[in-house]
Amino acid sequence: MDLLRLPPPLRRTLLSSPHLIRLLTTQSRPTAPPLLPISLKNSQPTSFPPSTAKNSRPNLTLSSSALNPYTLSPPPNPTQLKYASTFFHSSPPHLLYSAAHFRTLPPLANPEIAFLGRSNVGKSSLLNALFGRPNIKDAHVSKRPGRTRTMNGFGVLGPGQQLGAASSTGERGKEALWKRFPVRGGLVVVDMPGYGAGSREIWGQEVLKFLEKRRQLRRTFVLVDAEHGLKKSDLEILVHLKRAGVPCQVVLSKVDKLLWAGPRAPGAQRLQNRMGMVEELRRKIGRVVDEDAGDGRKGLLGDVLCCSAEKGLGGGRKLGVDEVRWEVLKACGMDCDEGGQRRQYSLEDLNILEDEAE
């Protein structure tokens, strides 16, 4: 059972019982392939077609499985990654609301996903890549820290879905757009104000209210700059979320700067060494958060993902973005099976082992 898929009230109830935690964590998990060493000579790159655009940056010759090895959950196959990409490319995102205070958020019934991170961690750039619109800039991109000052909810509709018709009285700007968003078949991605340098204390208070009290929230993705590693403010927010029972997952942004710092592509050995650095950073984040939380629970952050909003694998696909899309859909219960068919969930997915005889 994936605890991150459960609603916050049920998740907190389960996590408050040490006995249930022991039973749930004893369930078998799929075995992932070894992470290292990575043989670049024999590894198969993704089958994405090469980019033909002029002045395009060199493509990373990395496979998705090599960059994002899954150890805590089953890895998505190419069909599932394509499903996630198609979902986010089906229609442009709709800005449903911009709220500075928790009390002004609209009562949407759709599952919500929040993206949170330090100022200038590349959050807005990643969201634009996530929406498949890096050149249109739905989320505001700026070199000045603290550009995002409100909680901005972007509605994403899957294939075959569309907004409802406007009421006969007419629509009064975008503040009423959320009323036309269909209850089923869509999710909401929330761009949160950044923390750290350039942020404001009052924004942080409203953000924490959202993370702890928003019933629609299914998961929070906390972005960490791969080039600079885990900062004190990153650790503080991750420990706080873990102790509060808020589902969260770490995304290493700007990973291309760690793998491919210069204009020239690194050699095979240097790239393999850089991959080792990424893997060590991934392990360190989980270990440090578990130690600082001090509650004995481990692995609740899930698999740490790596991505880049700048460099890609060819065909316009950005590095690791499809994996982020997949995790968003999975957290919302809108993913698919191995054959690409929309998955159906039931109460049978919640398995609790019976007490063992003492």
Protein backbone atom coordinates (compact mmCIF):
# COMPACT_ATOMS: atom_id res chain seq x y z
CA MET A 1 0.00 0.00 0.00
CA ASP A 2 1.24 3.47 -0.89
CA LEU A 3 0.74 5.73 2.16
CA LEU A 4 1.24 8.81 0.00
CA ARG A 5 -2.04 8.13 -1.83
CA LEU A 6 -4.17 8.23 1.30
CA PRO A 7 -6.07 11.36 2.38
CA PRO A 8 -4.28 13.33 5.14
CA PRO A 9 -6.72 12.41 8.00
CA LEU A 10 -6.47 8.65 7.32
CA ARG A 11 -2.71 8.87 6.83
CA ARG A 12 -2.20 10.65 10.16
CA THR A 13 -4.33 8.02 11.93
CA LEU A 14 -2.23 5.20 10.49
CA LEU A 15 1.07 6.91 11.26
CA SER A 16 0.05 7.55 14.85
CA SER A 17 -0.07 3.82 15.54
CA PRO A 18 3.37 2.16 15.79
CA HIS A 19 1.74 -1.27 15.41
CA LEU A 20 0.11 -0.36 12.10
CA ILE A 21 3.35 1.17 10.85
CA ARG A 22 5.18 -2.09 11.59
CA LEU A 23 2.57 -4.14 9.77
CA LEU A 24 2.41 -1.86 6.75
CA THR A 25 6.16 -1.60 6.31
CA THR A 26 6.59 -5.40 6.41
CA GLN A 27 4.73 -5.78 3.12
CA SER A 28 6.99 -6.80 0.30
CA ARG A 29 8.22 -4.24 -2.17
CA PRO A 30 9.37 -4.87 -5.74
CA THR A 31 13.07 -5.35 -6.13
CA ALA A 32 14.71 -2.63 -8.16
CA PRO A 33 17.78 -3.22 -10.34
CA PRO A 34 21.17 -2.26 -8.90
CA LEU A 35 21.79 1.47 -8.92
CA LEU A 36 25.55 1.47 -9.43
CA PRO A 37 27.81 0.92 -11.17
CA ILE A 38 26.21 2.24 -14.35
CA SER A 39 27.62 0.86 -17.56
CA LEU A 40 27.23 3.64 -20.11
CA LYS A 41 28.73 1.47 -22.80
CA ASN A 42 26.00 -1.17 -22.60
CA SER A 43 23.10 0.95 -21.34
CA GLN A 44 20.33 1.72 -23.81
CA PRO A 45 19.39 5.38 -24.16
CA THR A 46 15.76 6.36 -24.40
CA SER A 47 14.14 5.85 -27.78
CA PHE A 48 13.12 9.49 -28.06
CA PRO A 49 13.96 10.93 -31.52
CA PRO A 50 16.87 13.39 -31.65
CA SER A 51 16.11 17.09 -31.63
CA THR A 52 16.39 18.84 -35.00
CA ALA A 53 15.86 22.42 -33.81
CA LYS A 54 18.56 24.95 -34.60
CA ASN A 55 20.87 25.96 -31.78
CA SER A 56 19.51 23.10 -29.66
CA ARG A 57 21.62 22.08 -26.72
CA PRO A 58 23.39 18.70 -26.83
CA ASN A 59 21.23 15.86 -25.60
CA LEU A 60 22.20 13.85 -22.56
CA THR A 61 22.82 10.23 -23.54
CA LEU A 62 21.14 8.91 -20.42
CA SER A 63 18.28 6.49 -19.99
CA SER A 64 15.35 7.35 -17.75
CA SER A 65 15.98 4.31 -15.58
CA ALA A 66 19.63 5.27 -15.05
CA LEU A 67 18.80 8.83 -13.99
CA ASN A 68 15.81 7.93 -11.81
CA PRO A 69 16.25 4.45 -10.32
CA TYR A 70 13.26 3.48 -8.18
CA THR A 71 13.97 1.62 -4.94
CA LEU A 72 10.80 2.29 -2.90
CA SER A 73 8.12 1.97 -5.58
CA PRO A 74 7.74 0.22 -8.96
CA PRO A 75 9.43 2.14 -11.79
CA PRO A 76 7.17 3.37 -14.60
CA ASN A 77 7.63 1.66 -17.96
CA PRO A 78 7.82 3.59 -21.28
CA THR A 79 4.07 3.15 -21.85
CA GLN A 80 3.28 4.70 -18.49
CA LEU A 81 5.68 7.59 -19.06
CA LYS A 82 4.05 8.24 -22.43
CA TYR A 83 0.63 8.17 -20.73
CA ALA A 84 1.80 10.81 -18.26
CA SER A 85 3.23 12.97 -21.04
CA THR A 86 0.01 12.73 -23.06
CA PHE A 87 -2.08 13.67 -20.04
CA PHE A 88 -0.18 16.93 -19.49
CA HIS A 89 -0.09 17.77 -23.20
CA SER A 90 -3.82 17.23 -23.73
CA SER A 91 -4.73 20.86 -23.06
CA PRO A 92 -3.08 24.03 -21.76
CA PRO A 93 -3.21 24.59 -17.99
CA HIS A 94 -5.94 26.83 -16.62
CA LEU A 95 -5.11 29.31 -13.86
CA LEU A 96 -8.00 28.56 -11.52
CA TYR A 97 -7.01 30.78 -8.59
CA SER A 98 -4.32 33.00 -7.08
CA ALA A 99 -4.73 33.19 -3.32
CA ALA A 100 -2.56 35.06 -0.83
CA HIS A 101 -4.39 33.63 2.18
CA PHE A 102 -5.58 30.15 3.03
CA ARG A 103 -9.10 31.36 3.83
CA THR A 104 -9.57 32.68 0.28
CA LEU A 105 -8.86 29.35 -1.46
CA PRO A 106 -11.79 28.02 -3.52
CA PRO A 107 -13.51 24.79 -2.36
CA LEU A 108 -12.37 22.62 -5.26
CA ALA A 109 -13.08 18.90 -5.12
CA ASN A 110 -10.18 17.90 -7.40
CA PRO A 111 -6.97 16.39 -6.03
CA GLU A 112 -4.19 18.95 -5.62
CA ILE A 113 -0.41 18.69 -5.85
CA ALA A 114 1.84 21.40 -4.39
CA PHE A 115 5.33 22.36 -5.59
CA LEU A 116 7.47 24.02 -2.97
CA GLY A 117 11.10 25.10 -2.82
CA ARG A 118 13.66 27.77 -2.00
CA SER A 119 13.52 31.02 -3.94
CA ASN A 120 15.17 30.60 -7.35
CA VAL A 121 15.37 26.82 -7.10
CA GLY A 122 13.90 26.58 -10.61
CA LYS A 123 10.33 25.82 -9.53
CA SER A 124 8.57 28.00 -12.11
CA SER A 125 10.79 26.70 -14.91
CA LEU A 126 10.03 23.11 -13.91
CA LEU A 127 6.28 23.78 -13.83
CA ASN A 128 6.38 25.28 -17.31
CA ALA A 129 8.24 22.18 -18.52
CA LEU A 130 5.75 20.00 -16.65
CA PHE A 131 2.89 21.67 -18.54
CA GLY A 132 4.79 21.19 -21.80
CA ARG A 133 4.91 24.96 -22.36
CA PRO A 134 8.51 26.07 -21.62
CA ASN A 135 8.25 28.95 -24.10
CA ILE A 136 4.89 30.31 -22.91
CA LYS A 137 5.70 30.67 -19.20
CA ASP A 138 2.40 29.96 -17.43
CA ALA A 139 4.29 30.03 -14.14
CA HIS A 140 6.25 33.27 -13.75
CA VAL A 141 10.00 32.87 -14.17
CA SER A 142 12.32 35.50 -12.71
CA LYS A 143 15.92 35.87 -11.59
CA ARG A 144 14.68 37.93 -8.66
CA PRO A 145 13.98 35.77 -5.55
CA GLY A 146 10.44 35.72 -4.26
CA ARG A 147 8.70 36.32 -7.60
CA THR A 148 5.80 34.03 -6.64
CA ARG A 149 3.84 35.71 -3.85
CA THR A 150 0.54 33.85 -3.99
CA MET A 151 -0.62 30.25 -4.07
CA ASN A 152 -1.42 29.72 -7.75
CA GLY A 153 -3.57 26.75 -8.71
CA PHE A 154 -3.27 25.50 -12.30
CA GLY A 155 -5.96 23.08 -13.46
CA VAL A 156 -4.74 20.25 -15.71
CA LEU A 157 -7.32 18.30 -17.74
CA GLY A 158 -6.70 14.83 -19.11
CA PRO A 159 -7.56 13.56 -22.61
CA GLY A 160 -11.17 14.17 -23.62
CA GLN A 161 -11.86 16.61 -20.78
CA GLN A 162 -12.85 20.25 -21.14
CA LEU A 163 -14.10 23.18 -19.10
CA GLY A 164 -17.81 23.48 -18.45
CA ALA A 165 -19.86 26.19 -20.07
CA ALA A 166 -19.95 29.62 -18.48
CA SER A 167 -23.04 30.50 -16.48
CA SER A 168 -25.77 32.62 -18.02
CA THR A 169 -24.79 35.53 -15.80
CA GLY A 170 -21.34 35.60 -17.37
CA GLU A 171 -17.91 34.95 -15.93
CA ARG A 172 -16.23 37.64 -13.87
CA GLY A 173 -12.60 37.10 -14.72
CA LYS A 174 -10.43 34.15 -13.79
CA GLU A 175 -11.55 34.13 -10.17
CA ALA A 176 -14.69 32.25 -11.30
CA LEU A 177 -12.92 29.85 -13.67
CA TRP A 178 -12.60 27.15 -11.01
CA LYS A 179 -16.38 26.77 -10.99
CA ARG A 180 -16.23 25.47 -14.58
CA PHE A 181 -13.44 22.99 -13.88
CA PRO A 182 -14.82 19.40 -14.04
CA VAL A 183 -14.88 17.47 -10.80
CA ARG A 184 -13.61 14.29 -12.46
CA GLY A 185 -10.75 13.86 -14.89
CA GLY A 186 -8.69 16.83 -13.77
CA LEU A 187 -6.12 17.73 -11.13
CA VAL A 188 -4.69 20.96 -9.77
CA VAL A 189 -0.97 21.81 -9.60
CA VAL A 190 -0.27 24.52 -7.02
CA ASP A 191 2.74 26.80 -7.40
CA MET A 192 3.65 27.85 -3.85
CA PRO A 193 5.66 30.92 -2.75
CA GLY A 194 9.34 30.17 -2.24
CA TYR A 195 11.06 30.06 1.13
CA GLY A 196 14.56 31.14 2.12
CA ALA A 197 16.25 34.25 0.73
CA GLY A 198 13.79 36.71 -0.74
CA SER A 199 10.74 35.12 0.86
CA ARG A 200 8.37 36.69 3.39
CA GLU A 201 7.37 35.34 6.79
CA ILE A 202 3.67 35.94 6.21
CA TRP A 203 3.78 33.84 3.05
CA GLY A 204 5.30 30.99 5.02
CA GLN A 205 2.45 31.05 7.54
CA GLU A 206 -0.16 30.78 4.81
CA VAL A 207 1.81 28.04 3.04
CA LEU A 208 1.95 25.94 6.21
CA LYS A 209 -1.81 26.34 6.66
CA PHE A 210 -2.28 25.02 3.14
CA LEU A 211 0.08 22.09 3.59
CA GLU A 212 -1.40 21.01 6.92
CA LYS A 213 -5.11 21.76 6.45
CA ARG A 214 -5.95 21.55 2.74
CA ARG A 215 -8.07 18.40 2.43
CA GLN A 216 -7.58 18.17 -1.33
CA LEU A 217 -3.78 18.00 -1.06
CA ARG A 218 -2.39 14.63 -2.11
CA ARG A 219 1.37 15.27 -2.17
CA THR A 220 3.92 18.07 -1.84
CA PHE A 221 6.96 18.05 -4.10
CA VAL A 222 9.88 19.83 -2.43
CA LEU A 223 12.49 21.02 -4.91
CA VAL A 224 16.16 20.91 -3.92
CA ASP A 225 18.85 22.47 -6.08
CA ALA A 226 21.09 19.57 -7.17
CA GLU A 227 24.05 21.89 -7.67
CA HIS A 228 23.96 23.31 -4.13
CA GLY A 229 22.53 20.32 -2.28
CA LEU A 230 20.29 20.23 0.78
CA LYS A 231 20.17 23.58 2.60
CA LYS A 232 19.13 24.21 6.21
CA SER A 233 15.77 25.64 5.14
CA ASP A 234 15.15 22.60 2.91
CA LEU A 235 15.82 20.26 5.82
CA GLU A 236 13.58 22.25 8.16
CA ILE A 237 10.58 22.13 5.83
CA LEU A 238 11.07 18.42 5.04
CA VAL A 239 11.33 17.49 8.73
CA HIS A 240 8.26 19.61 9.50
CA LEU A 241 6.23 17.93 6.75
CA LYS A 242 7.29 14.47 7.86
CA ARG A 243 6.42 15.10 11.52
CA ALA A 244 3.06 16.60 10.51
CA GLY A 245 2.21 13.57 8.37
CA VAL A 246 2.08 15.63 5.17
CA PRO A 247 2.97 13.45 2.15
CA CYS A 248 6.04 14.83 0.40
CA GLN A 249 8.64 13.85 -2.16
CA VAL A 250 11.97 15.46 -3.05
CA VAL A 251 12.78 16.53 -6.60
CA LEU A 252 16.39 17.43 -7.43
CA SER A 253 16.09 20.33 -9.85
CA LYS A 254 18.80 21.62 -12.22
CA VAL A 255 20.43 18.19 -12.20
CA ASP A 256 21.98 18.98 -15.58
CA LYS A 257 24.30 21.48 -13.86
CA LEU A 258 25.69 18.66 -11.75
CA LEU A 259 25.94 16.13 -14.58
CA TRP A 260 26.94 18.47 -17.37
CA ALA A 261 28.35 21.69 -15.93
CA GLY A 262 30.21 22.94 -19.01
CA PRO A 263 29.24 23.48 -22.66
CA ARG A 264 31.00 20.29 -23.78
CA ALA A 265 29.58 16.85 -23.11
CA PRO A 266 31.58 14.91 -20.51
CA GLY A 267 33.23 11.62 -21.31
CA ALA A 268 31.70 8.31 -20.29
CA GLN A 269 33.81 7.92 -17.13
CA ARG A 270 33.23 11.49 -15.97
CA LEU A 271 29.50 11.17 -16.57
CA GLN A 272 29.43 7.94 -14.59
CA ASN A 273 31.25 9.65 -11.72
CA ARG A 274 28.72 12.48 -11.80
CA MET A 275 25.90 9.96 -11.69
CA GLY A 276 27.53 8.54 -8.58
CA MET A 277 27.47 12.01 -7.01
CA VAL A 278 23.77 12.35 -7.80
CA GLU A 279 23.04 8.97 -6.25
CA GLU A 280 25.00 9.85 -3.11
CA LEU A 281 23.07 13.11 -2.80
CA ARG A 282 19.81 11.20 -3.19
CA ARG A 283 20.75 8.78 -0.42
CA LYS A 284 22.00 11.57 1.86
CA ILE A 285 18.74 13.50 1.67
CA GLY A 286 16.67 10.54 2.82
CA ARG A 287 19.15 9.65 5.56
CA VAL A 288 19.47 13.18 6.95
CA VAL A 289 15.71 13.80 7.01
CA ASP A 290 15.08 10.47 8.77
CA GLU A 291 17.73 11.28 11.39
CA ASP A 292 16.55 14.84 12.04
CA ALA A 293 12.89 13.86 12.26
CA GLY A 294 13.81 11.47 15.07
CA ASP A 295 10.52 9.56 15.00
CA GLY A 296 11.88 6.20 13.87
CA ARG A 297 10.00 6.19 10.57
CA LYS A 298 12.04 5.75 7.40
CA GLY A 299 11.41 5.96 3.68
CA LEU A 300 8.29 8.13 3.85
CA LEU A 301 9.82 10.67 1.45
CA GLY A 302 9.57 8.13 -1.34
CA ASP A 303 12.00 7.97 -4.24
CA VAL A 304 14.01 11.15 -4.83
CA LEU A 305 13.53 12.26 -8.44
CA CYS A 306 16.01 14.08 -10.70
CA CYS A 307 15.02 16.47 -13.46
CA SER A 308 16.07 19.45 -15.56
CA ALA A 309 13.91 22.13 -17.16
CA GLU A 310 16.78 23.11 -19.48
CA LYS A 311 18.39 20.08 -21.08
CA GLY A 312 16.54 17.19 -22.63
CA LEU A 313 16.62 13.70 -24.04
CA GLY A 314 15.58 14.77 -27.53
CA GLY A 315 12.21 15.26 -29.15
CA GLY A 316 11.47 18.22 -26.89
CA ARG A 317 11.38 16.04 -23.76
CA LYS A 318 13.11 17.51 -20.74
CA LEU A 319 15.32 15.41 -18.53
CA GLY A 320 13.29 13.56 -15.87
CA VAL A 321 10.11 15.63 -16.36
CA ASP A 322 8.00 12.65 -17.48
CA GLU A 323 8.91 10.88 -14.23
CA VAL A 324 7.67 13.90 -12.26
CA ARG A 325 4.44 13.87 -14.30
CA TRP A 326 4.01 10.18 -13.52
CA GLU A 327 4.42 10.73 -9.78
CA VAL A 328 1.85 13.55 -9.90
CA LEU A 329 -0.70 11.28 -11.57
CA LYS A 330 0.07 8.41 -9.23
CA ALA A 331 -0.38 10.60 -6.14
CA CYS A 332 -3.77 11.71 -7.48
CA GLY A 333 -4.89 8.17 -8.32
CA MET A 334 -5.00 9.06 -12.02
CA ASP A 335 -2.20 6.82 -13.28
CA CYS A 336 -2.46 3.81 -15.59
CA ASP A 337 -1.50 0.15 -15.56
CA GLU A 338 1.44 -1.35 -17.43
CA GLY A 339 -0.59 -1.46 -20.63
CA GLY A 340 -1.58 2.20 -20.54
CA GLN A 341 -5.15 1.71 -19.29
CA ARG A 342 -6.45 4.07 -16.61
CA ARG A 343 -6.07 2.32 -13.25
CA GLN A 344 -9.13 1.68 -11.10
CA TYR A 345 -8.71 1.68 -7.32
CA SER A 346 -10.88 0.08 -4.66
CA LEU A 347 -10.82 -0.63 -0.93
CA GLU A 348 -9.10 -3.93 -1.70
CA ASP A 349 -5.92 -1.92 -2.35
CA LEU A 350 -5.77 -1.20 1.40
CA ASN A 351 -4.31 -4.35 2.95
CA ILE A 352 -3.62 -4.56 6.67
CA LEU A 353 -2.03 -7.72 7.99
CA GLU A 354 -3.60 -9.46 10.93
CA ASP A 355 -1.94 -9.46 14.33
CA GLU A 356 0.74 -12.05 14.79
CA ALA A 357 0.42 -14.44 17.68
CA GLU A 358 2.65 -13.39 20.54
